[in-house]
Amino acid sequence: MIGVHARYRGRDKRRADVVSRSAEALSTLPGVGEFDVVGVEDIRADVDNPEAALNVVMALLSDGNWAIGLGICAHGRGIYAASDAVGTRPAQVRVSVDTRHPGTAAEDIAAAFALIGHVLHKRTLEGREATALVRRGLNQNEAAQELGISKQAMSQRLQAAGWQAEQAGWRLAMNLITRAEADLPAA
């Protein structure tokens, strides 16, 4: 079972509203259970699969205001492992894995997210717009048309935004989470 726990670390004065809205929005992602709001700053949920977990973590990392815990444990304890793992620093992912090789798997997953987070936080507003359109499934021509720019300008924006590095990091994190889940002890 995989769980995600996030703690809001932004500076918004209406943090309870931000946390509540974020929980609602994240609950709409495919494969994500309902996010529970825990206290004023924390949200947590179980997710169905590695891809759902990765999509939630990517959304939280993109925002940059969340400390994130990811728990991968047998016997339905993922959400509790995620709660134990969550830290205090924004845009940091800490991982707890209950597998035959917990330290290595947790460290590797956290390292992959650190690299992805670095790429995401270097993005300009234009880079965020470009990558958001491509992530939604538009090709470069369609995304360029949507933004009212040339295909060449779109390609340059994606390159400057580190789109290829993000995609490589996404695949790496997905593979690591999938392996960690497959390595869970049998029930």
C-alpha atoms as a PDB file:
ATOM      1  CA  MET A   1       0.000   0.000   0.000  1.00  0.00           C
ATOM      2  CA  ILE A   2       1.234   3.480  -0.840  1.00  0.00           C
ATOM      3  CA  GLY A   3       0.366   6.572   1.154  1.00  0.00           C
ATOM      4  CA  VAL A   4       1.158  10.262   0.804  1.00  0.00           C
ATOM      5  CA  HIS A   5       1.234  12.780   3.635  1.00  0.00           C
ATOM      6  CA  ALA A   6       1.903  16.465   2.951  1.00  0.00           C
ATOM      7  CA  ARG A   7       2.439  19.358   5.339  1.00  0.00           C
ATOM      8  CA  TYR A   8       1.833  22.906   4.084  1.00  0.00           C
ATOM      9  CA  ARG A   9       4.904  25.086   4.577  1.00  0.00           C
ATOM     10  CA  GLY A  10       3.865  28.121   2.525  1.00  0.00           C
ATOM     11  CA  ARG A  11       3.300  31.615   3.854  1.00  0.00           C
ATOM     12  CA  ASP A  12      -0.329  32.110   2.904  1.00  0.00           C
ATOM     13  CA  LYS A  13      -2.207  33.638   5.832  1.00  0.00           C
ATOM     14  CA  ARG A  14      -5.291  31.590   4.947  1.00  0.00           C
ATOM     15  CA  ARG A  15      -3.402  28.313   5.199  1.00  0.00           C
ATOM     16  CA  ALA A  16      -6.438  26.285   6.292  1.00  0.00           C
ATOM     17  CA  ASP A  17      -8.226  27.289   3.072  1.00  0.00           C
ATOM     18  CA  VAL A  18      -5.171  26.486   0.949  1.00  0.00           C
ATOM     19  CA  VAL A  19      -4.813  23.094   2.623  1.00  0.00           C
ATOM     20  CA  SER A  20      -8.510  22.276   2.218  1.00  0.00           C
ATOM     21  CA  ARG A  21      -8.592  23.320  -1.460  1.00  0.00           C
ATOM     22  CA  SER A  22      -5.409  21.369  -2.150  1.00  0.00           C
ATOM     23  CA  ALA A  23      -6.880  18.239  -0.544  1.00  0.00           C
ATOM     24  CA  GLU A  24      -9.980  18.582  -2.730  1.00  0.00           C
ATOM     25  CA  ALA A  25      -7.966  19.090  -5.913  1.00  0.00           C
ATOM     26  CA  LEU A  26      -5.546  16.218  -5.250  1.00  0.00           C
ATOM     27  CA  SER A  27      -8.468  13.876  -4.488  1.00  0.00           C
ATOM     28  CA  THR A  28      -9.634  14.284  -8.101  1.00  0.00           C
ATOM     29  CA  LEU A  29      -6.464  12.732  -9.545  1.00  0.00           C
ATOM     30  CA  PRO A  30      -6.922   9.206 -10.935  1.00  0.00           C
ATOM     31  CA  GLY A  31      -6.053   6.456  -8.455  1.00  0.00           C
ATOM     32  CA  VAL A  32      -6.057   8.770  -5.460  1.00  0.00           C
ATOM     33  CA  GLY A  33      -8.303   8.200  -2.475  1.00  0.00           C
ATOM     34  CA  GLU A  34      -9.932  11.062  -0.646  1.00  0.00           C
ATOM     35  CA  PHE A  35      -7.387  13.273   1.060  1.00  0.00           C
ATOM     36  CA  ASP A  36      -8.020  13.714   4.758  1.00  0.00           C
ATOM     37  CA  VAL A  37      -7.243  17.093   6.276  1.00  0.00           C
ATOM     38  CA  VAL A  38      -5.352  16.464   9.502  1.00  0.00           C
ATOM     39  CA  GLY A  39      -5.114  19.562  11.650  1.00  0.00           C
ATOM     40  CA  VAL A  40      -4.527  22.892   9.945  1.00  0.00           C
ATOM     41  CA  GLU A  41      -1.502  22.119   7.761  1.00  0.00           C
ATOM     42  CA  ASP A  42      -1.549  18.412   6.950  1.00  0.00           C
ATOM     43  CA  ILE A  43      -3.277  16.265   4.351  1.00  0.00           C
ATOM     44  CA  ARG A  44      -2.914  12.552   3.686  1.00  0.00           C
ATOM     45  CA  ALA A  45      -4.345   9.819   1.510  1.00  0.00           C
ATOM     46  CA  ASP A  46      -3.789   6.301   0.293  1.00  0.00           C
ATOM     47  CA  VAL A  47      -3.180   5.901  -3.422  1.00  0.00           C
ATOM     48  CA  ASP A  48      -3.895   2.926  -5.655  1.00  0.00           C
ATOM     49  CA  ASN A  49      -0.612   2.573  -7.506  1.00  0.00           C
ATOM     50  CA  PRO A  50       2.877   4.010  -8.105  1.00  0.00           C
ATOM     51  CA  GLU A  51       1.695   6.289 -10.918  1.00  0.00           C
ATOM     52  CA  ALA A  52      -0.970   7.881  -8.711  1.00  0.00           C
ATOM     53  CA  ALA A  53       1.608   8.406  -5.952  1.00  0.00           C
ATOM     54  CA  LEU A  54       4.025   9.951  -8.420  1.00  0.00           C
ATOM     55  CA  ASN A  55       1.387  12.307  -9.818  1.00  0.00           C
ATOM     56  CA  VAL A  56       0.460  13.521  -6.330  1.00  0.00           C
ATOM     57  CA  VAL A  57       4.091  14.079  -5.349  1.00  0.00           C
ATOM     58  CA  MET A  58       4.796  15.894  -8.637  1.00  0.00           C
ATOM     59  CA  ALA A  59       1.823  18.223  -8.073  1.00  0.00           C
ATOM     60  CA  LEU A  60       2.984  18.992  -4.544  1.00  0.00           C
ATOM     61  CA  LEU A  61       6.599  19.492  -5.646  1.00  0.00           C
ATOM     62  CA  SER A  62       5.484  21.823  -8.430  1.00  0.00           C
ATOM     63  CA  ASP A  63       3.724  24.009  -5.891  1.00  0.00           C
ATOM     64  CA  GLY A  64       6.888  24.214  -3.802  1.00  0.00           C
ATOM     65  CA  ASN A  65       5.113  24.845  -0.494  1.00  0.00           C
ATOM     66  CA  TRP A  66       4.745  21.314   0.834  1.00  0.00           C
ATOM     67  CA  ALA A  67       6.917  18.973   2.877  1.00  0.00           C
ATOM     68  CA  ILE A  68       6.038  15.519   1.547  1.00  0.00           C
ATOM     69  CA  GLY A  69       6.142  12.042   3.051  1.00  0.00           C
ATOM     70  CA  LEU A  70       5.756   8.953   0.879  1.00  0.00           C
ATOM     71  CA  GLY A  71       5.130   5.617   2.556  1.00  0.00           C
ATOM     72  CA  ILE A  72       5.324   2.236   0.849  1.00  0.00           C
ATOM     73  CA  CYS A  73       4.326  -0.539   3.237  1.00  0.00           C
ATOM     74  CA  ALA A  74       2.578  -3.875   3.326  1.00  0.00           C
ATOM     75  CA  HIS A  75      -0.693  -4.531   5.127  1.00  0.00           C
ATOM     76  CA  GLY A  76      -2.353  -1.155   4.393  1.00  0.00           C
ATOM     77  CA  ARG A  77       0.073   0.913   6.462  1.00  0.00           C
ATOM     78  CA  GLY A  78       1.339   3.206   3.702  1.00  0.00           C
ATOM     79  CA  ILE A  79      -0.458   6.270   5.007  1.00  0.00           C
ATOM     80  CA  TYR A  80       1.055   5.813   8.471  1.00  0.00           C
ATOM     81  CA  ALA A  81       4.546   5.336   7.069  1.00  0.00           C
ATOM     82  CA  ALA A  82       4.041   8.506   5.005  1.00  0.00           C
ATOM     83  CA  SER A  83       2.996  10.385   8.148  1.00  0.00           C
ATOM     84  CA  ASP A  84       6.116   9.183   9.937  1.00  0.00           C
ATOM     85  CA  ALA A  85       8.299  10.226   6.987  1.00  0.00           C
ATOM     86  CA  VAL A  86       6.969  13.731   6.328  1.00  0.00           C
ATOM     87  CA  GLY A  87       9.488  16.375   7.235  1.00  0.00           C
ATOM     88  CA  THR A  88       9.338  20.098   7.777  1.00  0.00           C
ATOM     89  CA  ARG A  89      11.202  21.554   4.798  1.00  0.00           C
ATOM     90  CA  PRO A  90       9.162  22.672   1.784  1.00  0.00           C
ATOM     91  CA  ALA A  91       9.728  20.883  -1.525  1.00  0.00           C
ATOM     92  CA  GLN A  92      11.448  17.988   0.225  1.00  0.00           C
ATOM     93  CA  VAL A  93      10.257  14.412  -0.175  1.00  0.00           C
ATOM     94  CA  ARG A  94      11.100  11.966   2.581  1.00  0.00           C
ATOM     95  CA  VAL A  95      10.356   8.302   2.006  1.00  0.00           C
ATOM     96  CA  SER A  96       9.621   5.344   4.242  1.00  0.00           C
ATOM     97  CA  VAL A  97       9.734   1.913   2.623  1.00  0.00           C
ATOM     98  CA  ASP A  98       8.937  -1.361   4.369  1.00  0.00           C
ATOM     99  CA  THR A  99      10.672  -3.713   1.945  1.00  0.00           C
ATOM    100  CA  ARG A 100      13.462  -6.254   2.178  1.00  0.00           C
ATOM    101  CA  HIS A 101      15.943  -3.423   1.439  1.00  0.00           C
ATOM    102  CA  PRO A 102      14.247  -0.352   2.999  1.00  0.00           C
ATOM    103  CA  GLY A 103      17.188   2.030   3.300  1.00  0.00           C
ATOM    104  CA  THR A 104      18.358   1.748  -0.273  1.00  0.00           C
ATOM    105  CA  ALA A 105      14.894   1.990  -1.817  1.00  0.00           C
ATOM    106  CA  ALA A 106      13.862   4.964   0.322  1.00  0.00           C
ATOM    107  CA  GLU A 107      17.109   6.832  -0.334  1.00  0.00           C
ATOM    108  CA  ASP A 108      16.937   6.215  -4.089  1.00  0.00           C
ATOM    109  CA  ILE A 109      13.313   7.382  -4.352  1.00  0.00           C
ATOM    110  CA  ALA A 110      14.034  10.492  -2.278  1.00  0.00           C
ATOM    111  CA  ALA A 111      17.087  11.241  -4.454  1.00  0.00           C
ATOM    112  CA  ALA A 112      15.018  10.969  -7.642  1.00  0.00           C
ATOM    113  CA  PHE A 113      12.482  13.429  -6.217  1.00  0.00           C
ATOM    114  CA  ALA A 114      15.257  15.812  -5.139  1.00  0.00           C
ATOM    115  CA  LEU A 115      16.476  15.935  -8.738  1.00  0.00           C
ATOM    116  CA  ILE A 116      12.963  16.430 -10.110  1.00  0.00           C
ATOM    117  CA  GLY A 117      12.295  19.137  -7.543  1.00  0.00           C
ATOM    118  CA  HIS A 118      15.444  20.972  -8.596  1.00  0.00           C
ATOM    119  CA  VAL A 119      14.294  21.013 -12.219  1.00  0.00           C
ATOM    120  CA  LEU A 120      10.783  22.173 -11.277  1.00  0.00           C
ATOM    121  CA  HIS A 121      11.976  25.052  -9.120  1.00  0.00           C
ATOM    122  CA  LYS A 122      14.234  26.487 -11.837  1.00  0.00           C
ATOM    123  CA  ARG A 123      11.267  27.021 -14.167  1.00  0.00           C
ATOM    124  CA  THR A 124      10.017  30.375 -15.313  1.00  0.00           C
ATOM    125  CA  LEU A 125       6.314  31.124 -15.634  1.00  0.00           C
ATOM    126  CA  GLU A 126       6.591  30.582 -19.397  1.00  0.00           C
ATOM    127  CA  GLY A 127       8.260  27.214 -18.816  1.00  0.00           C
ATOM    128  CA  ARG A 128       5.492  26.183 -16.424  1.00  0.00           C
ATOM    129  CA  GLU A 129       2.842  27.121 -18.981  1.00  0.00           C
ATOM    130  CA  ALA A 130       4.596  25.171 -21.734  1.00  0.00           C
ATOM    131  CA  THR A 131       5.186  22.025 -19.679  1.00  0.00           C
ATOM    132  CA  ALA A 132       1.648  22.085 -18.288  1.00  0.00           C
ATOM    133  CA  LEU A 133       0.213  21.979 -21.810  1.00  0.00           C
ATOM    134  CA  VAL A 134       2.481  19.148 -22.942  1.00  0.00           C
ATOM    135  CA  ARG A 135       1.791  17.228 -19.717  1.00  0.00           C
ATOM    136  CA  ARG A 136      -1.940  17.490 -20.510  1.00  0.00           C
ATOM    137  CA  GLY A 137      -1.254  15.606 -23.742  1.00  0.00           C
ATOM    138  CA  LEU A 138      -0.945  18.349 -26.336  1.00  0.00           C
ATOM    139  CA  ASN A 139       1.881  17.989 -28.839  1.00  0.00           C
ATOM    140  CA  GLN A 140       4.325  20.872 -29.362  1.00  0.00           C
ATOM    141  CA  ASN A 141       2.399  22.303 -32.308  1.00  0.00           C
ATOM    142  CA  GLU A 142      -0.893  22.309 -30.410  1.00  0.00           C
ATOM    143  CA  ALA A 143       0.739  23.775 -27.298  1.00  0.00           C
ATOM    144  CA  ALA A 144       2.442  26.486 -29.358  1.00  0.00           C
ATOM    145  CA  GLN A 145      -0.873  27.381 -30.973  1.00  0.00           C
ATOM    146  CA  GLU A 146      -2.563  27.505 -27.551  1.00  0.00           C
ATOM    147  CA  LEU A 147       0.089  29.961 -26.321  1.00  0.00           C
ATOM    148  CA  GLY A 148       0.151  31.954 -29.565  1.00  0.00           C
ATOM    149  CA  ILE A 149       3.841  31.285 -30.216  1.00  0.00           C
ATOM    150  CA  SER A 150       5.823  29.504 -32.921  1.00  0.00           C
ATOM    151  CA  LYS A 151       6.720  25.811 -32.724  1.00  0.00           C
ATOM    152  CA  GLN A 152      10.375  26.829 -32.454  1.00  0.00           C
ATOM    153  CA  ALA A 153       9.609  29.124 -29.479  1.00  0.00           C
ATOM    154  CA  MET A 154       7.663  26.291 -27.850  1.00  0.00           C
ATOM    155  CA  SER A 155      10.578  23.911 -28.328  1.00  0.00           C
ATOM    156  CA  GLN A 156      12.925  26.474 -26.792  1.00  0.00           C
ATOM    157  CA  ARG A 157      10.617  26.958 -23.798  1.00  0.00           C
ATOM    158  CA  LEU A 158      10.430  23.226 -23.172  1.00  0.00           C
ATOM    159  CA  GLN A 159      14.194  22.886 -23.432  1.00  0.00           C
ATOM    160  CA  ALA A 160      14.814  25.810 -21.068  1.00  0.00           C
ATOM    161  CA  ALA A 161      12.222  24.384 -18.657  1.00  0.00           C
ATOM    162  CA  GLY A 162      14.065  21.067 -18.450  1.00  0.00           C
ATOM    163  CA  TRP A 163      11.168  19.070 -19.853  1.00  0.00           C
ATOM    164  CA  GLN A 164      13.364  16.139 -20.918  1.00  0.00           C
ATOM    165  CA  ALA A 165      15.038  16.021 -17.498  1.00  0.00           C
ATOM    166  CA  GLU A 166      11.624  16.065 -15.791  1.00  0.00           C
ATOM    167  CA  GLN A 167      10.426  13.188 -17.952  1.00  0.00           C
ATOM    168  CA  ALA A 168      13.580  11.163 -17.247  1.00  0.00           C
ATOM    169  CA  GLY A 169      13.186  11.825 -13.520  1.00  0.00           C
ATOM    170  CA  TRP A 170       9.508  10.854 -13.681  1.00  0.00           C
ATOM    171  CA  ARG A 171      10.386   7.519 -15.307  1.00  0.00           C
ATOM    172  CA  LEU A 172      13.139   6.885 -12.763  1.00  0.00           C
ATOM    173  CA  ALA A 173      10.868   7.654  -9.796  1.00  0.00           C
ATOM    174  CA  MET A 174       8.113   5.478 -11.287  1.00  0.00           C
ATOM    175  CA  ASN A 175      10.485   2.537 -11.712  1.00  0.00           C
ATOM    176  CA  LEU A 176      11.846   2.905  -8.179  1.00  0.00           C
ATOM    177  CA  ILE A 177       8.398   3.154  -6.563  1.00  0.00           C
ATOM    178  CA  THR A 178       7.146   0.200  -8.622  1.00  0.00           C
ATOM    179  CA  ARG A 179      10.157  -1.897  -7.560  1.00  0.00           C
ATOM    180  CA  ALA A 180       9.752  -0.911  -3.913  1.00  0.00           C
ATOM    181  CA  GLU A 181       6.075  -1.861  -3.973  1.00  0.00           C
ATOM    182  CA  ALA A 182       6.867  -5.190  -5.656  1.00  0.00           C
ATOM    183  CA  ASP A 183       9.502  -5.852  -2.972  1.00  0.00           C
ATOM    184  CA  LEU A 184       7.011  -5.600  -0.094  1.00  0.00           C
ATOM    185  CA  PRO A 185       6.864  -8.598   2.221  1.00  0.00           C
ATOM    186  CA  ALA A 186       3.988 -10.959   1.491  1.00  0.00           C
ATOM    187  CA  ALA A 187       0.906 -10.714   3.693  1.00  0.00           C
END
